[in-house]
Amino acid sequence: MSLRYVLAPVVLAWITTAAHAAACDRSEPQYRDTVRLVNSLRPDKAGQMRVFAADGSEFNAGQAQWMKARLREWDSLCTRGTPADELRAAKLLRDVRELLDSHKRRT
C-alpha cells in the first residue's frame, strides 16, 4: 500500500481536530474582537433603528439582538464540545464576523 494512502486519512484527521480546537478557543483574537464589538451594541429600546458599535459600525436593533443570540448559541455549543457542535460553533462565529465586517466603517 502506498504511503500516500496511509498518511492522507491521518493528516485529514489531524487538520479536522486542529480546526475543532480553534473553533471554541476563547483566547483567539477573532473571537475576542467579535465579542467586544457585539457587546458594545446596546439598543436603548426594542424598536430602535440604529445602534453603533465601538468601532463606529452601524446596525439596527434586530441585527444586534441576532448577533448576541448567535454568540450565546456559540457558547452553549462549545460547552458541549462534540465535534459536530464545534463545527456549528465555527459557522456561527463566521456568520457574525461576516455581518460585522459588512458594516465596517470605511475611512
N, C-alpha and C. Protein backbone atom coordinates (compact mmCIF):
# COMPACT_ATOMS: atom_id res chain seq x y z
N MET A 1 0.85 -1.17 0.00
CA MET A 1 0.00 0.00 0.00
C MET A 1 0.90 1.24 0.00
N SER A 2 0.50 2.20 -0.76
CA SER A 2 1.28 3.42 -0.89
C SER A 2 1.21 4.25 0.40
N LEU A 3 2.30 4.91 0.70
CA LEU A 3 2.37 5.76 1.88
C LEU A 3 1.34 6.89 1.80
N ARG A 4 1.06 7.33 0.60
CA ARG A 4 0.09 8.40 0.39
C ARG A 4 -1.30 7.98 0.89
N TYR A 5 -1.69 6.74 0.67
CA TYR A 5 -2.99 6.26 1.10
C TYR A 5 -3.07 6.06 2.60
N VAL A 6 -1.94 5.86 3.23
CA VAL A 6 -1.91 5.68 4.67
C VAL A 6 -1.89 7.03 5.38
N LEU A 7 -1.12 7.97 4.87
CA LEU A 7 -0.96 9.27 5.53
C LEU A 7 -2.13 10.22 5.30
N ALA A 8 -2.79 10.11 4.18
CA ALA A 8 -3.88 11.04 3.86
C ALA A 8 -4.96 11.06 4.94
N PRO A 9 -5.49 9.92 5.39
CA PRO A 9 -6.50 9.98 6.46
C PRO A 9 -5.95 10.51 7.77
N VAL A 10 -4.70 10.22 8.07
CA VAL A 10 -4.09 10.69 9.31
C VAL A 10 -3.98 12.22 9.28
N VAL A 11 -3.50 12.76 8.17
CA VAL A 11 -3.36 14.20 8.04
C VAL A 11 -4.73 14.87 8.09
N LEU A 12 -5.71 14.31 7.41
CA LEU A 12 -7.06 14.86 7.42
C LEU A 12 -7.64 14.87 8.83
N ALA A 13 -7.44 13.81 9.58
CA ALA A 13 -7.93 13.75 10.95
C ALA A 13 -7.24 14.79 11.83
N TRP A 14 -5.95 14.98 11.63
CA TRP A 14 -5.20 15.97 12.40
C TRP A 14 -5.70 17.39 12.10
N ILE A 15 -5.91 17.70 10.83
CA ILE A 15 -6.40 19.03 10.44
C ILE A 15 -7.79 19.27 11.01
N THR A 16 -8.66 18.27 10.96
CA THR A 16 -10.01 18.39 11.48
C THR A 16 -9.98 18.62 12.99
N THR A 17 -9.13 17.90 13.69
CA THR A 17 -9.00 18.07 15.13
C THR A 17 -8.49 19.46 15.47
N ALA A 18 -7.53 19.96 14.72
CA ALA A 18 -6.99 21.30 14.96
C ALA A 18 -8.07 22.35 14.72
N ALA A 19 -8.90 22.15 13.71
CA ALA A 19 -9.98 23.10 13.42
C ALA A 19 -11.00 23.10 14.54
N HIS A 20 -11.30 21.91 15.09
CA HIS A 20 -12.24 21.84 16.20
C HIS A 20 -11.72 22.60 17.41
N ALA A 21 -10.45 22.41 17.71
CA ALA A 21 -9.86 23.07 18.88
C ALA A 21 -9.90 24.59 18.72
N ALA A 22 -9.62 25.09 17.53
CA ALA A 22 -9.61 26.53 17.31
C ALA A 22 -11.02 27.12 17.29
N ALA A 23 -12.01 26.34 16.94
CA ALA A 23 -13.37 26.84 16.81
C ALA A 23 -13.92 27.36 18.14
N CYS A 24 -13.51 26.78 19.25
CA CYS A 24 -14.06 27.15 20.54
C CYS A 24 -13.00 27.75 21.47
N ASP A 25 -11.97 28.30 20.91
CA ASP A 25 -10.91 28.90 21.70
C ASP A 25 -11.24 30.35 22.01
N ARG A 26 -11.56 30.63 23.28
CA ARG A 26 -11.94 31.98 23.68
C ARG A 26 -10.77 32.95 23.68
N SER A 27 -9.56 32.44 23.59
CA SER A 27 -8.39 33.33 23.60
C SER A 27 -8.01 33.80 22.19
N GLU A 28 -8.69 33.28 21.16
CA GLU A 28 -8.42 33.71 19.79
C GLU A 28 -8.77 35.18 19.62
N PRO A 29 -7.90 35.96 18.99
CA PRO A 29 -8.20 37.40 18.79
C PRO A 29 -9.49 37.63 18.02
N GLN A 30 -9.79 36.78 17.05
CA GLN A 30 -11.01 36.97 16.27
C GLN A 30 -12.25 36.84 17.17
N TYR A 31 -12.24 35.88 18.06
CA TYR A 31 -13.38 35.71 18.98
C TYR A 31 -13.48 36.89 19.93
N ARG A 32 -12.37 37.28 20.51
CA ARG A 32 -12.38 38.40 21.47
C ARG A 32 -12.86 39.69 20.81
N ASP A 33 -12.40 39.96 19.59
CA ASP A 33 -12.83 41.17 18.88
C ASP A 33 -14.32 41.13 18.57
N THR A 34 -14.79 39.96 18.17
CA THR A 34 -16.21 39.80 17.86
C THR A 34 -17.06 40.06 19.09
N VAL A 35 -16.70 39.46 20.21
CA VAL A 35 -17.46 39.64 21.45
C VAL A 35 -17.43 41.09 21.90
N ARG A 36 -16.28 41.73 21.79
CA ARG A 36 -16.16 43.13 22.20
C ARG A 36 -17.10 44.01 21.39
N LEU A 37 -17.11 43.81 20.07
CA LEU A 37 -17.97 44.64 19.23
C LEU A 37 -19.46 44.36 19.46
N VAL A 38 -19.81 43.09 19.55
CA VAL A 38 -21.22 42.74 19.75
C VAL A 38 -21.71 43.24 21.11
N ASN A 39 -20.88 43.12 22.13
CA ASN A 39 -21.29 43.60 23.46
C ASN A 39 -21.39 45.12 23.52
N SER A 40 -20.73 45.82 22.61
CA SER A 40 -20.82 47.27 22.61
C SER A 40 -22.12 47.77 21.97
N LEU A 41 -22.86 46.87 21.32
CA LEU A 41 -24.15 47.23 20.72
C LEU A 41 -25.22 47.18 21.80
N ARG A 42 -25.73 48.33 22.16
CA ARG A 42 -26.72 48.40 23.23
C ARG A 42 -27.94 49.21 22.79
N PRO A 43 -28.92 48.52 22.21
CA PRO A 43 -30.14 49.24 21.84
C PRO A 43 -30.87 49.70 23.10
N ASP A 44 -31.28 50.96 23.11
CA ASP A 44 -31.99 51.51 24.27
C ASP A 44 -33.42 51.02 24.34
N LYS A 45 -34.01 50.77 23.19
CA LYS A 45 -35.39 50.28 23.15
C LYS A 45 -35.51 49.27 22.02
N ALA A 46 -36.52 48.46 22.10
CA ALA A 46 -36.65 47.34 21.17
C ALA A 46 -36.76 47.77 19.71
N GLY A 47 -37.44 48.84 19.41
CA GLY A 47 -37.64 49.26 18.03
C GLY A 47 -36.62 50.26 17.52
N GLN A 48 -35.54 50.42 18.25
CA GLN A 48 -34.55 51.43 17.86
C GLN A 48 -33.99 51.13 16.47
N MET A 49 -33.91 52.16 15.66
CA MET A 49 -33.48 51.97 14.28
C MET A 49 -31.98 51.78 14.15
N ARG A 50 -31.19 52.58 14.85
CA ARG A 50 -29.74 52.49 14.69
C ARG A 50 -29.04 52.27 16.01
N VAL A 51 -28.05 51.39 15.96
CA VAL A 51 -27.20 51.09 17.11
C VAL A 51 -25.77 51.14 16.61
N PHE A 52 -24.89 51.74 17.37
CA PHE A 52 -23.50 51.88 16.94
C PHE A 52 -22.59 51.02 17.79
N ALA A 53 -21.65 50.36 17.13
CA ALA A 53 -20.66 49.53 17.81
C ALA A 53 -19.48 50.40 18.24
N ALA A 54 -18.57 49.82 18.99
CA ALA A 54 -17.41 50.54 19.50
C ALA A 54 -16.52 51.07 18.38
N ASP A 55 -16.52 50.40 17.23
CA ASP A 55 -15.68 50.85 16.11
C ASP A 55 -16.40 51.81 15.17
N GLY A 56 -17.63 52.20 15.53
CA GLY A 56 -18.39 53.13 14.70
C GLY A 56 -19.31 52.46 13.70
N SER A 57 -19.31 51.16 13.63
CA SER A 57 -20.20 50.43 12.72
C SER A 57 -21.65 50.66 13.14
N GLU A 58 -22.54 50.69 12.16
CA GLU A 58 -23.95 50.97 12.41
C GLU A 58 -24.79 49.73 12.10
N PHE A 59 -25.68 49.38 13.02
CA PHE A 59 -26.57 48.24 12.87
C PHE A 59 -27.95 48.65 13.33
N ASN A 60 -28.95 47.84 12.97
CA ASN A 60 -30.26 48.07 13.58
C ASN A 60 -30.37 47.17 14.80
N ALA A 61 -31.37 47.42 15.63
CA ALA A 61 -31.51 46.68 16.89
C ALA A 61 -31.71 45.19 16.65
N GLY A 62 -32.42 44.84 15.58
CA GLY A 62 -32.63 43.43 15.27
C GLY A 62 -31.33 42.70 14.96
N GLN A 63 -30.45 43.35 14.21
CA GLN A 63 -29.16 42.75 13.91
C GLN A 63 -28.33 42.58 15.18
N ALA A 64 -28.40 43.57 16.07
CA ALA A 64 -27.66 43.48 17.33
C ALA A 64 -28.15 42.29 18.16
N GLN A 65 -29.47 42.14 18.24
CA GLN A 65 -30.03 41.02 19.00
C GLN A 65 -29.69 39.69 18.35
N TRP A 66 -29.69 39.63 17.01
CA TRP A 66 -29.35 38.41 16.29
C TRP A 66 -27.92 37.99 16.60
N MET A 67 -26.99 38.95 16.57
CA MET A 67 -25.58 38.63 16.84
C MET A 67 -25.39 38.17 18.28
N LYS A 68 -26.08 38.81 19.20
CA LYS A 68 -25.96 38.40 20.60
C LYS A 68 -26.50 36.98 20.79
N ALA A 69 -27.59 36.66 20.12
CA ALA A 69 -28.15 35.31 20.21
C ALA A 69 -27.20 34.28 19.61
N ARG A 70 -26.56 34.61 18.49
CA ARG A 70 -25.61 33.69 17.88
C ARG A 70 -24.41 33.43 18.81
N LEU A 71 -23.95 34.46 19.51
CA LEU A 71 -22.82 34.26 20.43
C LEU A 71 -23.24 33.45 21.66
N ARG A 72 -24.48 33.60 22.11
CA ARG A 72 -24.97 32.74 23.21
C ARG A 72 -25.04 31.29 22.75
N GLU A 73 -25.51 31.08 21.52
CA GLU A 73 -25.57 29.72 20.97
C GLU A 73 -24.16 29.15 20.82
N TRP A 74 -23.21 29.98 20.36
CA TRP A 74 -21.81 29.56 20.24
C TRP A 74 -21.31 29.06 21.59
N ASP A 75 -21.61 29.80 22.63
CA ASP A 75 -21.15 29.44 23.96
C ASP A 75 -21.71 28.09 24.40
N SER A 76 -22.99 27.87 24.17
CA SER A 76 -23.58 26.59 24.57
C SER A 76 -23.06 25.43 23.74
N LEU A 77 -22.83 25.65 22.45
CA LEU A 77 -22.28 24.59 21.61
C LEU A 77 -20.86 24.22 22.04
N CYS A 78 -20.06 25.22 22.36
CA CYS A 78 -18.68 24.96 22.78
C CYS A 78 -18.63 24.30 24.15
N THR A 79 -19.63 24.56 24.98
CA THR A 79 -19.68 23.92 26.29
C THR A 79 -19.89 22.42 26.14
N ARG A 80 -20.75 22.03 25.20
CA ARG A 80 -20.97 20.61 24.94
C ARG A 80 -19.72 19.96 24.37
N GLY A 81 -19.10 20.62 23.40
CA GLY A 81 -17.79 20.20 22.91
C GLY A 81 -17.71 19.02 21.97
N THR A 82 -18.82 18.54 21.43
CA THR A 82 -18.70 17.46 20.46
C THR A 82 -18.18 18.04 19.14
N PRO A 83 -17.55 17.23 18.31
CA PRO A 83 -17.03 17.76 17.04
C PRO A 83 -18.10 18.42 16.17
N ALA A 84 -19.29 17.85 16.13
CA ALA A 84 -20.36 18.46 15.34
C ALA A 84 -20.77 19.81 15.91
N ASP A 85 -20.83 19.90 17.23
CA ASP A 85 -21.17 21.17 17.88
C ASP A 85 -20.09 22.22 17.60
N GLU A 86 -18.84 21.81 17.63
CA GLU A 86 -17.75 22.75 17.40
C GLU A 86 -17.74 23.24 15.95
N LEU A 87 -18.10 22.38 15.01
CA LEU A 87 -18.21 22.83 13.62
C LEU A 87 -19.34 23.84 13.47
N ARG A 88 -20.47 23.58 14.12
CA ARG A 88 -21.59 24.52 14.08
C ARG A 88 -21.19 25.84 14.75
N ALA A 89 -20.45 25.77 15.84
CA ALA A 89 -19.99 26.97 16.54
C ALA A 89 -19.08 27.80 15.64
N ALA A 90 -18.20 27.14 14.91
CA ALA A 90 -17.31 27.86 13.99
C ALA A 90 -18.11 28.59 12.92
N LYS A 91 -19.17 27.95 12.42
CA LYS A 91 -20.01 28.58 11.41
C LYS A 91 -20.76 29.79 11.99
N LEU A 92 -21.25 29.66 13.21
CA LEU A 92 -21.95 30.77 13.85
C LEU A 92 -21.03 31.97 14.01
N LEU A 93 -19.81 31.72 14.47
CA LEU A 93 -18.87 32.81 14.65
C LEU A 93 -18.51 33.46 13.32
N ARG A 94 -18.37 32.63 12.29
CA ARG A 94 -18.08 33.15 10.94
C ARG A 94 -19.23 34.01 10.42
N ASP A 95 -20.46 33.59 10.67
CA ASP A 95 -21.64 34.37 10.24
C ASP A 95 -21.69 35.73 10.93
N VAL A 96 -21.40 35.75 12.22
CA VAL A 96 -21.41 37.02 12.96
C VAL A 96 -20.29 37.92 12.45
N ARG A 97 -19.11 37.34 12.21
CA ARG A 97 -17.98 38.12 11.69
C ARG A 97 -18.31 38.72 10.33
N GLU A 98 -18.99 37.94 9.48
CA GLU A 98 -19.36 38.45 8.15
C GLU A 98 -20.29 39.66 8.27
N LEU A 99 -21.26 39.60 9.18
CA LEU A 99 -22.16 40.73 9.37
C LEU A 99 -21.40 41.94 9.91
N LEU A 100 -20.53 41.70 10.89
CA LEU A 100 -19.74 42.80 11.43
C LEU A 100 -18.86 43.43 10.35
N ASP A 101 -18.21 42.59 9.56
CA ASP A 101 -17.32 43.10 8.51
C ASP A 101 -18.08 43.84 7.42
N SER A 102 -19.30 43.40 7.15
CA SER A 102 -20.07 44.06 6.09
C SER A 102 -20.54 45.46 6.49
N HIS A 103 -20.55 45.74 7.78
CA HIS A 103 -20.99 47.05 8.27
C HIS A 103 -19.83 47.93 8.73
N LYS A 104 -18.61 47.48 8.52
CA LYS A 104 -17.46 48.25 8.97
C LYS A 104 -17.43 49.62 8.32
N ARG A 105 -17.07 50.60 9.10
CA ARG A 105 -16.97 51.96 8.58
C ARG A 105 -15.77 52.08 7.68
N ARG A 106 -16.00 52.63 6.51
CA ARG A 106 -14.91 52.87 5.57
C ARG A 106 -14.37 54.27 5.83
N THR A 107 -13.08 54.38 6.11
CA THR A 107 -12.49 55.70 6.38
C THR A 107 -11.60 56.14 5.24
